[in-house]
N, C-alpha and C. Protein backbone atom coordinates (compact mmCIF):
# COMPACT_ATOMS: atom_id res chain seq x y z
N MET A 1 0.88 -1.25 -0.03
CA MET A 1 0.03 0.08 -0.05
C MET A 1 0.78 1.23 -0.04
N MET A 2 2.01 1.46 0.79
CA MET A 2 2.76 2.43 0.88
C MET A 2 3.43 2.70 -0.38
N GLU A 3 3.84 1.62 -0.98
CA GLU A 3 4.57 1.76 -2.24
C GLU A 3 3.61 2.38 -3.38
N ARG A 4 2.41 2.10 -3.20
CA ARG A 4 1.53 2.82 -4.35
C ARG A 4 1.36 4.29 -4.10
N GLU A 5 1.36 4.51 -2.79
CA GLU A 5 1.37 6.03 -2.48
C GLU A 5 2.47 6.72 -2.83
N VAL A 6 3.64 6.27 -2.45
CA VAL A 6 4.91 6.78 -2.93
C VAL A 6 4.98 6.97 -4.45
N GLY A 7 4.61 5.82 -5.25
CA GLY A 7 4.62 5.88 -6.67
C GLY A 7 3.91 6.88 -7.17
N SER A 8 2.64 7.24 -6.63
CA SER A 8 1.68 8.09 -7.00
C SER A 8 2.21 9.65 -6.67
N ALA A 9 2.89 9.72 -5.62
CA ALA A 9 3.45 10.96 -5.16
C ALA A 9 4.53 11.37 -6.29
N VAL A 10 5.28 10.65 -6.51
CA VAL A 10 6.63 10.68 -7.19
C VAL A 10 6.07 11.14 -8.81
N SER A 11 4.99 10.70 -9.18
CA SER A 11 4.38 10.77 -10.57
C SER A 11 3.73 12.23 -10.49
N VAL A 12 3.10 12.81 -9.45
CA VAL A 12 2.68 14.02 -9.33
C VAL A 12 3.58 14.97 -9.22
N ILE A 13 4.74 14.83 -8.60
CA ILE A 13 5.98 15.64 -8.58
C ILE A 13 6.58 15.68 -9.91
N GLY A 14 6.62 14.61 -10.66
CA GLY A 14 7.19 14.45 -11.94
C GLY A 14 6.44 15.40 -12.97
N THR A 15 5.26 15.25 -12.82
CA THR A 15 4.40 16.11 -13.71
C THR A 15 4.42 17.54 -13.53
N LYS A 16 4.51 18.07 -12.29
CA LYS A 16 4.81 19.52 -11.77
C LYS A 16 5.95 19.77 -12.42
N LEU A 17 7.19 19.00 -12.19
CA LEU A 17 8.42 19.66 -12.72
C LEU A 17 8.43 19.66 -14.18
N VAL A 18 7.63 18.88 -14.92
CA VAL A 18 7.69 18.87 -16.49
C VAL A 18 6.90 20.10 -16.78
N GLU A 19 5.85 20.42 -15.86
CA GLU A 19 4.76 21.70 -16.45
C GLU A 19 5.93 22.93 -16.02
N ALA A 20 6.69 22.85 -14.94
CA ALA A 20 7.30 24.17 -14.69
C ALA A 20 8.56 24.41 -15.76
N ALA A 21 9.06 23.20 -16.17
CA ALA A 21 10.06 23.41 -17.09
C ALA A 21 9.75 23.83 -18.52
N MET A 22 8.22 23.45 -18.71
CA MET A 22 7.79 23.83 -20.16
C MET A 22 7.39 25.43 -20.00
N ALA A 23 7.19 25.83 -18.72
CA ALA A 23 6.64 27.31 -18.71
C ALA A 23 7.59 28.31 -19.35
N VAL A 24 6.99 29.29 -20.14
CA VAL A 24 7.70 30.19 -20.68
C VAL A 24 7.35 31.58 -20.24
N ASN A 25 8.30 32.54 -20.39
CA ASN A 25 8.00 33.91 -20.07
C ASN A 25 7.52 34.54 -21.22
N ILE A 26 6.35 35.36 -21.05
CA ILE A 26 5.81 36.02 -22.32
C ILE A 26 5.62 37.42 -21.85
N VAL A 27 5.83 38.60 -22.77
CA VAL A 27 5.58 39.77 -22.69
C VAL A 27 4.25 40.08 -23.59
N THR A 28 3.24 40.67 -22.91
CA THR A 28 2.23 41.28 -23.60
C THR A 28 2.19 42.86 -23.46
N VAL A 29 2.20 43.62 -24.79
CA VAL A 29 2.28 44.85 -24.69
C VAL A 29 1.02 45.50 -25.24
N VAL A 30 0.39 46.18 -24.39
CA VAL A 30 -1.03 46.82 -24.48
C VAL A 30 -0.95 48.43 -24.28
N GLY A 31 -1.92 49.01 -25.09
CA GLY A 31 -1.85 50.62 -24.94
C GLY A 31 -3.29 51.16 -25.43
N ALA A 32 -3.93 50.52 -25.99
CA ALA A 32 -5.30 51.05 -26.60
C ALA A 32 -6.33 49.94 -26.57
N ARG A 33 -7.45 50.48 -26.77
CA ARG A 33 -8.54 49.31 -26.70
C ARG A 33 -8.53 47.91 -27.61
N PRO A 34 -8.32 48.06 -28.59
CA PRO A 34 -8.09 46.86 -29.40
C PRO A 34 -7.14 45.78 -28.67
N GLN A 35 -5.86 46.37 -28.15
CA GLN A 35 -4.91 45.37 -27.54
C GLN A 35 -5.78 45.12 -26.34
N PHE A 36 -6.38 45.85 -25.35
CA PHE A 36 -6.94 45.40 -24.04
C PHE A 36 -8.06 44.35 -24.31
N ILE A 37 -8.73 44.37 -25.42
CA ILE A 37 -9.77 43.35 -25.61
C ILE A 37 -8.95 41.90 -26.03
N LYS A 38 -8.03 42.09 -26.70
CA LYS A 38 -7.37 40.87 -27.16
C LYS A 38 -6.76 40.15 -25.96
N ALA A 39 -6.10 41.10 -25.04
CA ALA A 39 -5.26 40.66 -24.02
C ALA A 39 -6.28 39.97 -23.04
N ALA A 40 -7.69 40.38 -22.99
CA ALA A 40 -8.52 39.79 -22.01
C ALA A 40 -8.56 38.35 -22.19
N VAL A 41 -8.48 38.02 -23.74
CA VAL A 41 -8.75 36.67 -23.92
C VAL A 41 -7.56 35.68 -23.99
N VAL A 42 -6.39 36.32 -24.42
CA VAL A 42 -5.18 35.67 -24.43
C VAL A 42 -4.31 35.58 -23.11
N SER A 43 -4.75 36.53 -22.25
CA SER A 43 -4.02 36.37 -20.93
C SER A 43 -4.54 35.08 -20.03
N ARG A 44 -5.84 35.12 -20.11
CA ARG A 44 -6.40 33.93 -19.21
C ARG A 44 -5.81 32.47 -19.69
N VAL A 45 -5.43 32.26 -21.09
CA VAL A 45 -4.95 31.11 -21.36
C VAL A 45 -3.63 31.02 -21.26
N LEU A 46 -2.53 32.10 -21.69
CA LEU A 46 -1.36 32.11 -21.36
C LEU A 46 -0.95 31.90 -19.93
N ARG A 47 -1.77 32.54 -19.02
CA ARG A 47 -1.36 32.51 -17.56
C ARG A 47 -1.72 30.82 -17.01
N GLU A 48 -2.36 30.11 -17.53
CA GLU A 48 -2.64 28.73 -17.25
C GLU A 48 -1.37 27.89 -17.24
N HIS A 49 -0.43 28.10 -18.08
CA HIS A 49 0.77 27.38 -18.32
C HIS A 49 2.09 28.08 -18.49
N HIS A 50 2.05 29.48 -18.46
CA HIS A 50 3.25 30.29 -18.79
C HIS A 50 3.20 31.61 -17.83
N ASN A 51 4.39 32.21 -17.84
CA ASN A 51 4.34 33.55 -17.02
C ASN A 51 4.24 34.54 -17.84
N GLU A 52 3.22 35.47 -17.76
CA GLU A 52 3.00 36.66 -18.64
C GLU A 52 3.33 37.88 -17.98
N ILE A 53 3.95 38.74 -18.38
CA ILE A 53 4.27 40.09 -18.06
C ILE A 53 3.53 41.11 -18.97
N ILE A 54 2.62 41.87 -18.30
CA ILE A 54 1.83 43.05 -19.13
C ILE A 54 2.53 44.21 -18.96
N ILE A 55 2.76 44.86 -20.12
CA ILE A 55 3.47 46.27 -19.98
C ILE A 55 2.36 47.14 -20.67
N HIS A 56 2.04 48.33 -20.16
CA HIS A 56 1.10 49.09 -20.52
C HIS A 56 1.81 50.23 -21.06
N THR A 57 1.62 50.81 -22.30
CA THR A 57 2.41 51.88 -22.98
C THR A 57 2.07 53.07 -22.25
N GLY A 58 0.71 53.06 -21.70
CA GLY A 58 0.33 54.49 -21.19
C GLY A 58 -0.57 55.28 -22.25
N GLN A 59 -0.58 54.73 -23.53
CA GLN A 59 -1.16 55.38 -24.44
C GLN A 59 -2.64 55.82 -24.20
N HIS A 60 -3.29 55.15 -23.49
CA HIS A 60 -4.58 55.51 -23.21
C HIS A 60 -4.74 55.49 -21.57
N TYR A 61 -4.32 56.29 -21.03
CA TYR A 61 -4.13 56.46 -19.51
C TYR A 61 -5.38 56.99 -18.89
N ASP A 62 -6.36 57.67 -19.44
CA ASP A 62 -7.75 57.81 -18.74
C ASP A 62 -8.46 56.60 -18.27
N ASP A 63 -9.23 56.66 -17.03
CA ASP A 63 -9.80 55.44 -16.74
C ASP A 63 -10.92 55.16 -17.55
N ASN A 64 -11.41 55.85 -18.11
CA ASN A 64 -12.49 55.48 -19.14
C ASN A 64 -11.90 54.99 -20.26
N MET A 65 -10.69 55.19 -20.74
CA MET A 65 -10.06 54.59 -21.74
C MET A 65 -9.25 53.48 -21.70
N SER A 66 -8.95 53.17 -20.17
CA SER A 66 -7.94 52.10 -19.85
C SER A 66 -8.45 51.18 -18.73
N GLY A 67 -8.44 51.92 -17.59
CA GLY A 67 -8.83 51.36 -16.32
C GLY A 67 -10.05 50.45 -16.33
N VAL A 68 -10.94 51.00 -17.05
CA VAL A 68 -12.40 50.21 -17.10
C VAL A 68 -12.24 49.02 -17.88
N PHE A 69 -11.41 48.87 -18.79
CA PHE A 69 -11.01 47.72 -19.36
C PHE A 69 -10.43 46.56 -18.80
N PHE A 70 -9.59 47.14 -18.04
CA PHE A 70 -8.70 46.11 -17.02
C PHE A 70 -9.76 45.50 -15.92
N ARG A 71 -10.55 46.36 -15.46
CA ARG A 71 -11.66 46.06 -14.34
C ARG A 71 -12.61 45.07 -15.14
N GLU A 72 -13.34 45.60 -16.10
CA GLU A 72 -14.43 44.91 -16.62
C GLU A 72 -14.09 43.66 -17.41
N LEU A 73 -13.03 43.64 -17.97
CA LEU A 73 -12.55 42.45 -18.82
C LEU A 73 -11.78 41.44 -17.90
N ASP A 74 -11.39 41.66 -16.58
CA ASP A 74 -10.59 41.06 -15.73
C ASP A 74 -9.31 40.59 -16.22
N ILE A 75 -8.59 41.69 -16.73
CA ILE A 75 -7.25 41.67 -17.24
C ILE A 75 -6.40 41.97 -15.94
N PRO A 76 -5.40 41.02 -15.73
CA PRO A 76 -4.52 41.29 -14.47
C PRO A 76 -3.95 42.89 -14.74
N HIS A 77 -3.53 43.45 -13.57
CA HIS A 77 -3.12 44.90 -13.47
C HIS A 77 -1.69 44.75 -14.08
N PRO A 78 -1.28 45.74 -15.00
CA PRO A 78 -0.10 45.83 -15.65
C PRO A 78 1.10 45.61 -14.72
N ASP A 79 2.30 44.91 -15.07
CA ASP A 79 3.53 44.89 -14.20
C ASP A 79 4.12 46.16 -14.46
N TYR A 80 4.08 46.52 -15.64
CA TYR A 80 4.83 47.98 -15.94
C TYR A 80 3.87 48.95 -16.64
N ASN A 81 4.28 50.24 -16.64
CA ASN A 81 3.53 51.30 -17.18
C ASN A 81 4.48 52.08 -17.74
N LEU A 82 4.59 52.38 -19.08
CA LEU A 82 5.60 53.06 -19.73
C LEU A 82 5.54 54.43 -19.69
N GLY A 83 4.29 54.95 -19.36
CA GLY A 83 3.93 56.40 -19.26
C GLY A 83 4.07 57.17 -20.33
N VAL A 84 3.54 56.79 -21.56
CA VAL A 84 3.61 57.39 -22.72
C VAL A 84 2.55 58.60 -22.73
N PHE A 85 1.42 58.51 -22.22
CA PHE A 85 0.44 59.31 -21.97
C PHE A 85 -0.05 59.99 -23.24
N GLY A 86 -0.29 59.24 -24.32
CA GLY A 86 -0.80 59.85 -25.73
C GLY A 86 -0.08 61.05 -26.10
N SER A 87 1.25 61.28 -25.91
CA SER A 87 2.06 62.21 -26.53
C SER A 87 2.07 62.05 -28.09
N CYS A 88 2.48 63.13 -28.73
CA CYS A 88 2.69 62.93 -30.20
C CYS A 88 3.75 62.15 -30.48
N THR A 89 3.79 61.50 -31.54
CA THR A 89 4.71 60.75 -32.15
C THR A 89 5.96 61.53 -32.49
N GLY A 90 7.22 60.96 -32.32
CA GLY A 90 8.25 61.74 -32.88
C GLY A 90 8.79 62.64 -31.63
N LYS A 91 8.09 62.74 -30.47
CA LYS A 91 8.85 63.61 -29.37
C LYS A 91 9.29 62.82 -28.41
């Protein structure tokens, strides 16, 4: 009986080690509504097996243009915010 339990525990540990070894670090960059909507779907799947880092460019910094999407679509809070704040390109 004990041998079966040990074998089962080793199997579970082995599976977890394989899953951890297969995990990949993935960076998702978002900044405007189309990316927020895509990230809402993709992030859920990615985070099941991989490490996702979300970077917000800050292009849409207003709560109505950015924050509301993170809350309503249940997107994880960005790990980094570049603070671009919708400035003109080339500056």
